[in-house]
Amino acid sequence: MDIGGNDNFLRKTLLQAEINRLKHGVVQKDDVRPVLDWALIAGEHMGHLLGAVRENDLAAMEKELLHVAAPLLELHNALQRDRVENI
């Protein structure tokens, strides 16, 4: 896999995470949101992604893929934050 070819996806994921925080979140809460919350949010969107796959709706698949990836990015950041806090 070529990392360079994934730049667009990574940019879109970062943008989706920012949009999610602006549209649905509260910055002070999102910065300390527990790992479980981010995992559940990603899981909820995974269900939407699977529904789009079942319907073979390519546009919805791309949208929901970003809606899964963005909270997974947030989950990764929360795990890193927790790791640092527990050292």
PDB file of N, CA and C in Angstrom:
ATOM      1  N   MET A   1       0.853  -1.170   0.000  1.00  0.00           N
ATOM      2  CA  MET A   1       0.000   0.000   0.000  1.00  0.00           C
ATOM      3  C   MET A   1       0.901   1.236   0.000  1.00  0.00           C
ATOM      4  N   ASP A   2       0.539   2.183  -0.828  1.00  0.00           N
ATOM      5  CA  ASP A   2       1.298   3.417  -0.937  1.00  0.00           C
ATOM      6  C   ASP A   2       0.669   4.477  -0.038  1.00  0.00           C
ATOM      7  N   ILE A   3       1.419   4.937   0.950  1.00  0.00           N
ATOM      8  CA  ILE A   3       0.913   5.962   1.882  1.00  0.00           C
ATOM      9  C   ILE A   3       0.538   7.226   1.142  1.00  0.00           C
ATOM     10  N   GLY A   4       1.319   7.594   0.124  1.00  0.00           N
ATOM     11  CA  GLY A   4       1.046   8.819  -0.618  1.00  0.00           C
ATOM     12  C   GLY A   4      -0.349   8.849  -1.224  1.00  0.00           C
ATOM     13  N   GLY A   5      -0.839   7.717  -1.678  1.00  0.00           N
ATOM     14  CA  GLY A   5      -2.169   7.645  -2.265  1.00  0.00           C
ATOM     15  C   GLY A   5      -3.292   7.822  -1.264  1.00  0.00           C
ATOM     16  N   ASN A   6      -2.972   7.773   0.014  1.00  0.00           N
ATOM     17  CA  ASN A   6      -3.984   7.896   1.056  1.00  0.00           C
ATOM     18  C   ASN A   6      -4.078   9.302   1.636  1.00  0.00           C
ATOM     19  N   ASP A   7      -3.269  10.219   1.133  1.00  0.00           N
ATOM     20  CA  ASP A   7      -3.295  11.591   1.656  1.00  0.00           C
ATOM     21  C   ASP A   7      -4.685  12.197   1.595  1.00  0.00           C
ATOM     22  N   ASN A   8      -5.379  11.988   0.492  1.00  0.00           N
ATOM     23  CA  ASN A   8      -6.709  12.563   0.330  1.00  0.00           C
ATOM     24  C   ASN A   8      -7.674  12.008   1.378  1.00  0.00           C
ATOM     25  N   PHE A   9      -7.616  10.703   1.604  1.00  0.00           N
ATOM     26  CA  PHE A   9      -8.491  10.091   2.611  1.00  0.00           C
ATOM     27  C   PHE A   9      -8.167  10.623   4.004  1.00  0.00           C
ATOM     28  N   LEU A  10      -6.890  10.748   4.304  1.00  0.00           N
ATOM     29  CA  LEU A  10      -6.500  11.258   5.622  1.00  0.00           C
ATOM     30  C   LEU A  10      -6.938  12.705   5.798  1.00  0.00           C
ATOM     31  N   ARG A  11      -6.796  13.513   4.763  1.00  0.00           N
ATOM     32  CA  ARG A  11      -7.261  14.903   4.842  1.00  0.00           C
ATOM     33  C   ARG A  11      -8.769  14.957   5.065  1.00  0.00           C
ATOM     34  N   LYS A  12      -9.491  14.131   4.332  1.00  0.00           N
ATOM     35  CA  LYS A  12     -10.954  14.093   4.490  1.00  0.00           C
ATOM     36  C   LYS A  12     -11.342  13.628   5.892  1.00  0.00           C
ATOM     37  N   THR A  13     -10.598  12.669   6.433  1.00  0.00           N
ATOM     38  CA  THR A  13     -10.891  12.182   7.784  1.00  0.00           C
ATOM     39  C   THR A  13     -10.662  13.280   8.818  1.00  0.00           C
ATOM     40  N   LEU A  14      -9.557  13.989   8.695  1.00  0.00           N
ATOM     41  CA  LEU A  14      -9.282  15.105   9.605  1.00  0.00           C
ATOM     42  C   LEU A  14     -10.355  16.179   9.490  1.00  0.00           C
ATOM     43  N   LEU A  15     -10.762  16.479   8.272  1.00  0.00           N
ATOM     44  CA  LEU A  15     -11.816  17.471   8.060  1.00  0.00           C
ATOM     45  C   LEU A  15     -13.128  16.989   8.663  1.00  0.00           C
ATOM     46  N   GLN A  16     -13.462  15.713   8.488  1.00  0.00           N
ATOM     47  CA  GLN A  16     -14.702  15.175   9.055  1.00  0.00           C
ATOM     48  C   GLN A  16     -14.679  15.253  10.578  1.00  0.00           C
ATOM     49  N   ALA A  17     -13.531  14.959  11.192  1.00  0.00           N
ATOM     50  CA  ALA A  17     -13.422  15.061  12.651  1.00  0.00           C
ATOM     51  C   ALA A  17     -13.663  16.499  13.101  1.00  0.00           C
ATOM     52  N   GLU A  18     -13.120  17.450  12.360  1.00  0.00           N
ATOM     53  CA  GLU A  18     -13.322  18.863  12.700  1.00  0.00           C
ATOM     54  C   GLU A  18     -14.783  19.260  12.529  1.00  0.00           C
ATOM     55  N   ILE A  19     -15.396  18.825  11.432  1.00  0.00           N
ATOM     56  CA  ILE A  19     -16.820  19.110  11.195  1.00  0.00           C
ATOM     57  C   ILE A  19     -17.669  18.510  12.309  1.00  0.00           C
ATOM     58  N   ASN A  20     -17.368  17.259  12.690  1.00  0.00           N
ATOM     59  CA  ASN A  20     -18.138  16.607  13.761  1.00  0.00           C
ATOM     60  C   ASN A  20     -18.070  17.404  15.055  1.00  0.00           C
ATOM     61  N   ARG A  21     -16.867  17.880  15.401  1.00  0.00           N
ATOM     62  CA  ARG A  21     -16.708  18.658  16.629  1.00  0.00           C
ATOM     63  C   ARG A  21     -17.491  19.962  16.559  1.00  0.00           C
ATOM     64  N   LEU A  22     -17.473  20.617  15.403  1.00  0.00           N
ATOM     65  CA  LEU A  22     -18.192  21.885  15.257  1.00  0.00           C
ATOM     66  C   LEU A  22     -19.701  21.675  15.257  1.00  0.00           C
ATOM     67  N   LYS A  23     -20.147  20.614  14.597  1.00  0.00           N
ATOM     68  CA  LYS A  23     -21.580  20.381  14.422  1.00  0.00           C
ATOM     69  C   LYS A  23     -22.230  19.690  15.623  1.00  0.00           C
ATOM     70  N   HIS A  24     -21.515  18.730  16.228  1.00  0.00           N
ATOM     71  CA  HIS A  24     -22.133  17.883  17.260  1.00  0.00           C
ATOM     72  C   HIS A  24     -21.496  17.989  18.627  1.00  0.00           C
ATOM     73  N   GLY A  25     -20.324  18.560  18.709  1.00  0.00           N
ATOM     74  CA  GLY A  25     -19.564  18.464  19.955  1.00  0.00           C
ATOM     75  C   GLY A  25     -19.458  19.760  20.733  1.00  0.00           C
ATOM     76  N   VAL A  26     -18.785  19.625  21.833  1.00  0.00           N
ATOM     77  CA  VAL A  26     -18.391  20.751  22.676  1.00  0.00           C
ATOM     78  C   VAL A  26     -16.898  20.553  22.895  1.00  0.00           C
ATOM     79  N   VAL A  27     -16.105  21.504  22.405  1.00  0.00           N
ATOM     80  CA  VAL A  27     -14.652  21.327  22.370  1.00  0.00           C
ATOM     81  C   VAL A  27     -14.101  20.882  23.715  1.00  0.00           C
ATOM     82  N   GLN A  28     -14.525  21.527  24.795  1.00  0.00           N
ATOM     83  CA  GLN A  28     -13.996  21.173  26.114  1.00  0.00           C
ATOM     84  C   GLN A  28     -14.344  19.731  26.487  1.00  0.00           C
ATOM     85  N   LYS A  29     -15.517  19.273  26.100  1.00  0.00           N
ATOM     86  CA  LYS A  29     -15.914  17.896  26.404  1.00  0.00           C
ATOM     87  C   LYS A  29     -15.246  16.906  25.458  1.00  0.00           C
ATOM     88  N   ASP A  30     -15.160  17.259  24.178  1.00  0.00           N
ATOM     89  CA  ASP A  30     -14.562  16.346  23.203  1.00  0.00           C
ATOM     90  C   ASP A  30     -13.099  16.074  23.514  1.00  0.00           C
ATOM     91  N   ASP A  31     -12.402  17.066  24.037  1.00  0.00           N
ATOM     92  CA  ASP A  31     -10.979  16.894  24.353  1.00  0.00           C
ATOM     93  C   ASP A  31     -10.749  15.905  25.491  1.00  0.00           C
ATOM     94  N   VAL A  32     -11.771  15.661  26.305  1.00  0.00           N
ATOM     95  CA  VAL A  32     -11.633  14.716  27.418  1.00  0.00           C
ATOM     96  C   VAL A  32     -12.658  13.587  27.345  1.00  0.00           C
ATOM     97  N   ARG A  33     -13.310  13.462  26.203  1.00  0.00           N
ATOM     98  CA  ARG A  33     -14.325  12.403  26.033  1.00  0.00           C
ATOM     99  C   ARG A  33     -13.664  11.042  26.236  1.00  0.00           C
ATOM    100  N   PRO A  34     -14.313  10.154  26.991  1.00  0.00           N
ATOM    101  CA  PRO A  34     -13.721   8.843  27.262  1.00  0.00           C
ATOM    102  C   PRO A  34     -13.600   7.975  26.008  1.00  0.00           C
ATOM    103  N   VAL A  35     -12.660   7.059  26.066  1.00  0.00           N
ATOM    104  CA  VAL A  35     -12.422   6.107  24.983  1.00  0.00           C
ATOM    105  C   VAL A  35     -13.724   5.394  24.611  1.00  0.00           C
ATOM    106  N   LEU A  36     -14.490   4.970  25.595  1.00  0.00           N
ATOM    107  CA  LEU A  36     -15.733   4.245  25.336  1.00  0.00           C
ATOM    108  C   LEU A  36     -16.677   5.059  24.455  1.00  0.00           C
ATOM    109  N   ASP A  37     -16.804   6.354  24.722  1.00  0.00           N
ATOM    110  CA  ASP A  37     -17.691   7.197  23.914  1.00  0.00           C
ATOM    111  C   ASP A  37     -17.275   7.196  22.452  1.00  0.00           C
ATOM    112  N   TRP A  38     -15.965   7.382  22.204  1.00  0.00           N
ATOM    113  CA  TRP A  38     -15.496   7.413  20.814  1.00  0.00           C
ATOM    114  C   TRP A  38     -15.725   6.059  20.143  1.00  0.00           C
ATOM    115  N   ALA A  39     -15.513   4.975  20.873  1.00  0.00           N
ATOM    116  CA  ALA A  39     -15.724   3.636  20.305  1.00  0.00           C
ATOM    117  C   ALA A  39     -17.196   3.421  19.956  1.00  0.00           C
ATOM    118  N   LEU A  40     -18.094   3.863  20.823  1.00  0.00           N
ATOM    119  CA  LEU A  40     -19.528   3.697  20.559  1.00  0.00           C
ATOM    120  C   LEU A  40     -19.981   4.553  19.379  1.00  0.00           C
ATOM    121  N   ILE A  41     -19.448   5.762  19.268  1.00  0.00           N
ATOM    122  CA  ILE A  41     -19.791   6.627  18.140  1.00  0.00           C
ATOM    123  C   ILE A  41     -19.332   5.973  16.833  1.00  0.00           C
ATOM    124  N   ALA A  42     -18.110   5.461  16.817  1.00  0.00           N
ATOM    125  CA  ALA A  42     -17.601   4.783  15.618  1.00  0.00           C
ATOM    126  C   ALA A  42     -18.462   3.558  15.297  1.00  0.00           C
ATOM    127  N   GLY A  43     -18.844   2.802  16.328  1.00  0.00           N
ATOM    128  CA  GLY A  43     -19.672   1.615  16.125  1.00  0.00           C
ATOM    129  C   GLY A  43     -21.039   1.947  15.553  1.00  0.00           C
ATOM    130  N   GLU A  44     -21.619   3.029  16.022  1.00  0.00           N
ATOM    131  CA  GLU A  44     -22.916   3.459  15.491  1.00  0.00           C
ATOM    132  C   GLU A  44     -22.804   3.752  13.997  1.00  0.00           C
ATOM    133  N   HIS A  45     -21.755   4.444  13.612  1.00  0.00           N
ATOM    134  CA  HIS A  45     -21.575   4.764  12.204  1.00  0.00           C
ATOM    135  C   HIS A  45     -21.199   3.533  11.385  1.00  0.00           C
ATOM    136  N   MET A  46     -20.558   2.545  12.018  1.00  0.00           N
ATOM    137  CA  MET A  46     -20.247   1.304  11.311  1.00  0.00           C
ATOM    138  C   MET A  46     -21.538   0.637  10.853  1.00  0.00           C
ATOM    139  N   GLY A  47     -22.566   0.700  11.673  1.00  0.00           N
ATOM    140  CA  GLY A  47     -23.864   0.162  11.267  1.00  0.00           C
ATOM    141  C   GLY A  47     -24.409   0.874  10.039  1.00  0.00           C
ATOM    142  N   HIS A  48     -24.243   2.192   9.994  1.00  0.00           N
ATOM    143  CA  HIS A  48     -24.686   2.950   8.819  1.00  0.00           C
ATOM    144  C   HIS A  48     -23.876   2.550   7.586  1.00  0.00           C
ATOM    145  N   LEU A  49     -22.570   2.356   7.779  1.00  0.00           N
ATOM    146  CA  LEU A  49     -21.714   1.940   6.672  1.00  0.00           C
ATOM    147  C   LEU A  49     -22.147   0.575   6.137  1.00  0.00           C
ATOM    148  N   LEU A  50     -22.419  -0.346   7.027  1.00  0.00           N
ATOM    149  CA  LEU A  50     -22.847  -1.680   6.595  1.00  0.00           C
ATOM    150  C   LEU A  50     -24.178  -1.627   5.860  1.00  0.00           C
ATOM    151  N   GLY A  51     -25.066  -0.747   6.297  1.00  0.00           N
ATOM    152  CA  GLY A  51     -26.330  -0.567   5.580  1.00  0.00           C
ATOM    153  C   GLY A  51     -26.108  -0.050   4.168  1.00  0.00           C
ATOM    154  N   ALA A  52     -25.168   0.885   4.018  1.00  0.00           N
ATOM    155  CA  ALA A  52     -24.851   1.415   2.691  1.00  0.00           C
ATOM    156  C   ALA A  52     -24.239   0.335   1.812  1.00  0.00           C
ATOM    157  N   VAL A  53     -23.395  -0.518   2.403  1.00  0.00           N
ATOM    158  CA  VAL A  53     -22.796  -1.624   1.648  1.00  0.00           C
ATOM    159  C   VAL A  53     -23.894  -2.586   1.187  1.00  0.00           C
ATOM    160  N   ARG A  54     -24.823  -2.882   2.081  1.00  0.00           N
ATOM    161  CA  ARG A  54     -25.901  -3.802   1.726  1.00  0.00           C
ATOM    162  C   ARG A  54     -26.731  -3.265   0.566  1.00  0.00           C
ATOM    163  N   GLU A  55     -26.924  -1.935   0.553  1.00  0.00           N
ATOM    164  CA  GLU A  55     -27.699  -1.305  -0.512  1.00  0.00           C
ATOM    165  C   GLU A  55     -26.860  -0.993  -1.750  1.00  0.00           C
ATOM    166  N   ASN A  56     -25.559  -1.261  -1.669  1.00  0.00           N
ATOM    167  CA  ASN A  56     -24.624  -0.971  -2.755  1.00  0.00           C
ATOM    168  C   ASN A  56     -24.675   0.505  -3.156  1.00  0.00           C
ATOM    169  N   ASP A  57     -24.790   1.375  -2.139  1.00  0.00           N
ATOM    170  CA  ASP A  57     -24.862   2.823  -2.344  1.00  0.00           C
ATOM    171  C   ASP A  57     -23.460   3.400  -2.144  1.00  0.00           C
ATOM    172  N   LEU A  58     -22.740   3.580  -3.260  1.00  0.00           N
ATOM    173  CA  LEU A  58     -21.335   3.991  -3.197  1.00  0.00           C
ATOM    174  C   LEU A  58     -21.156   5.358  -2.540  1.00  0.00           C
ATOM    175  N   ALA A  59     -22.026   6.302  -2.828  1.00  0.00           N
ATOM    176  CA  ALA A  59     -21.910   7.633  -2.228  1.00  0.00           C
ATOM    177  C   ALA A  59     -22.089   7.556  -0.715  1.00  0.00           C
ATOM    178  N   ALA A  60     -23.073   6.789  -0.270  1.00  0.00           N
ATOM    179  CA  ALA A  60     -23.305   6.630   1.169  1.00  0.00           C
ATOM    180  C   ALA A  60     -22.146   5.877   1.820  1.00  0.00           C
ATOM    181  N   MET A  61     -21.581   4.903   1.098  1.00  0.00           N
ATOM    182  CA  MET A  61     -20.423   4.168   1.642  1.00  0.00           C
ATOM    183  C   MET A  61     -19.259   5.119   1.899  1.00  0.00           C
ATOM    184  N   GLU A  62     -18.961   5.982   0.942  1.00  0.00           N
ATOM    185  CA  GLU A  62     -17.851   6.917   1.117  1.00  0.00           C
ATOM    186  C   GLU A  62     -18.123   7.863   2.283  1.00  0.00           C
ATOM    187  N   LYS A  63     -19.343   8.358   2.364  1.00  0.00           N
ATOM    188  CA  LYS A  63     -19.721   9.257   3.465  1.00  0.00           C
ATOM    189  C   LYS A  63     -19.590   8.550   4.806  1.00  0.00           C
ATOM    190  N   GLU A  64     -20.158   7.372   4.918  1.00  0.00           N
ATOM    191  CA  GLU A  64     -20.145   6.658   6.191  1.00  0.00           C
ATOM    192  C   GLU A  64     -18.751   6.157   6.557  1.00  0.00           C
ATOM    193  N   LEU A  65     -17.937   5.854   5.550  1.00  0.00           N
ATOM    194  CA  LEU A  65     -16.558   5.473   5.838  1.00  0.00           C
ATOM    195  C   LEU A  65     -15.842   6.598   6.575  1.00  0.00           C
ATOM    196  N   LEU A  66     -16.057   7.830   6.144  1.00  0.00           N
ATOM    197  CA  LEU A  66     -15.472   8.979   6.846  1.00  0.00           C
ATOM    198  C   LEU A  66     -16.110   9.163   8.219  1.00  0.00           C
ATOM    199  N   HIS A  67     -17.398   8.867   8.322  1.00  0.00           N
ATOM    200  CA  HIS A  67     -18.083   8.981   9.614  1.00  0.00           C
ATOM    201  C   HIS A  67     -17.623   7.911  10.602  1.00  0.00           C
ATOM    202  N   VAL A  68     -17.050   6.820  10.104  1.00  0.00           N
ATOM    203  CA  VAL A  68     -16.422   5.809  10.972  1.00  0.00           C
ATOM    204  C   VAL A  68     -14.980   6.211  11.266  1.00  0.00           C
ATOM    205  N   ALA A  69     -14.266   6.645  10.242  1.00  0.00           N
ATOM    206  CA  ALA A  69     -12.842   6.952  10.393  1.00  0.00           C
ATOM    207  C   ALA A  69     -12.595   8.116  11.344  1.00  0.00           C
ATOM    208  N   ALA A  70     -13.431   9.145  11.288  1.00  0.00           N
ATOM    209  CA  ALA A  70     -13.207  10.324  12.134  1.00  0.00           C
ATOM    210  C   ALA A  70     -13.286   9.980  13.629  1.00  0.00           C
ATOM    211  N   PRO A  71     -14.319   9.269  14.091  1.00  0.00           N
ATOM    212  CA  PRO A  71     -14.316   8.906  15.508  1.00  0.00           C
ATOM    213  C   PRO A  71     -13.225   7.896  15.867  1.00  0.00           C
ATOM    214  N   LEU A  72     -12.793   7.074  14.900  1.00  0.00           N
ATOM    215  CA  LEU A  72     -11.660   6.181  15.177  1.00  0.00           C
ATOM    216  C   LEU A  72     -10.382   6.995  15.387  1.00  0.00           C
ATOM    217  N   LEU A  73     -10.233   8.077  14.634  1.00  0.00           N
ATOM    218  CA  LEU A  73      -9.103   8.981  14.845  1.00  0.00           C
ATOM    219  C   LEU A  73      -9.191   9.599  16.236  1.00  0.00           C
ATOM    220  N   GLU A  74     -10.385  10.031  16.608  1.00  0.00           N
ATOM    221  CA  GLU A  74     -10.599  10.600  17.947  1.00  0.00           C
ATOM    222  C   GLU A  74     -10.325   9.539  19.020  1.00  0.00           C
ATOM    223  N   LEU A  75     -10.735   8.309  18.760  1.00  0.00           N
ATOM    224  CA  LEU A  75     -10.477   7.203  19.684  1.00  0.00           C
ATOM    225  C   LEU A  75      -8.977   7.008  19.856  1.00  0.00           C
ATOM    226  N   HIS A  76      -8.248   7.021  18.765  1.00  0.00           N
ATOM    227  CA  HIS A  76      -6.793   6.890  18.828  1.00  0.00           C
ATOM    228  C   HIS A  76      -6.198   7.999  19.679  1.00  0.00           C
ATOM    229  N   ASN A  77      -6.657   9.230  19.464  1.00  0.00           N
ATOM    230  CA  ASN A  77      -6.143  10.358  20.245  1.00  0.00           C
ATOM    231  C   ASN A  77      -6.477  10.204  21.728  1.00  0.00           C
ATOM    232  N   ALA A  78      -7.669   9.711  22.040  1.00  0.00           N
ATOM    233  CA  ALA A  78      -8.061   9.507  23.438  1.00  0.00           C
ATOM    234  C   ALA A  78      -7.201   8.422  24.086  1.00  0.00           C
ATOM    235  N   LEU A  79      -6.901   7.377  23.332  1.00  0.00           N
ATOM    236  CA  LEU A  79      -6.029   6.325  23.861  1.00  0.00           C
ATOM    237  C   LEU A  79      -4.633   6.879  24.155  1.00  0.00           C
ATOM    238  N   GLN A  80      -4.135   7.703  23.243  1.00  0.00           N
ATOM    239  CA  GLN A  80      -2.813   8.310  23.457  1.00  0.00           C
ATOM    240  C   GLN A  80      -2.836   9.233  24.671  1.00  0.00           C
ATOM    241  N   ARG A  81      -3.912  10.009  24.792  1.00  0.00           N
ATOM    242  CA  ARG A  81      -4.064  10.922  25.938  1.00  0.00           C
ATOM    243  C   ARG A  81      -4.092  10.130  27.245  1.00  0.00           C
ATOM    244  N   ASP A  82      -4.877   9.058  27.269  1.00  0.00           N
ATOM    245  CA  ASP A  82      -4.970   8.230  28.483  1.00  0.00           C
ATOM    246  C   ASP A  82      -3.644   7.587  28.825  1.00  0.00           C
ATOM    247  N   ARG A  83      -2.910   7.167  27.819  1.00  0.00           N
ATOM    248  CA  ARG A  83      -1.612   6.542  28.032  1.00  0.00           C
ATOM    249  C   ARG A  83      -0.654   7.542  28.703  1.00  0.00           C
ATOM    250  N   VAL A  84      -0.643   8.768  28.212  1.00  0.00           N
ATOM    251  CA  VAL A  84       0.216   9.808  28.769  1.00  0.00           C
ATOM    252  C   VAL A  84      -0.185  10.145  30.202  1.00  0.00           C
ATOM    253  N   GLU A  85      -1.498  10.214  30.440  1.00  0.00           N
ATOM    254  CA  GLU A  85      -1.995  10.557  31.779  1.00  0.00           C
ATOM    255  C   GLU A  85      -1.704   9.454  32.793  1.00  0.00           C
ATOM    256  N   ASN A  86      -1.565   8.215  32.337  1.00  0.00           N
ATOM    257  CA  ASN A  86      -1.336   7.087  33.236  1.00  0.00           C
ATOM    258  C   ASN A  86       0.135   6.750  33.445  1.00  0.00           C
ATOM    259  N   ILE A  87       0.991   7.559  32.866  1.00  0.00           N
ATOM    260  CA  ILE A  87       2.434   7.313  33.051  1.00  0.00           C
ATOM    261  C   ILE A  87       2.906   7.944  34.323  1.00  0.00           C
TER     262      ILE A  87
END
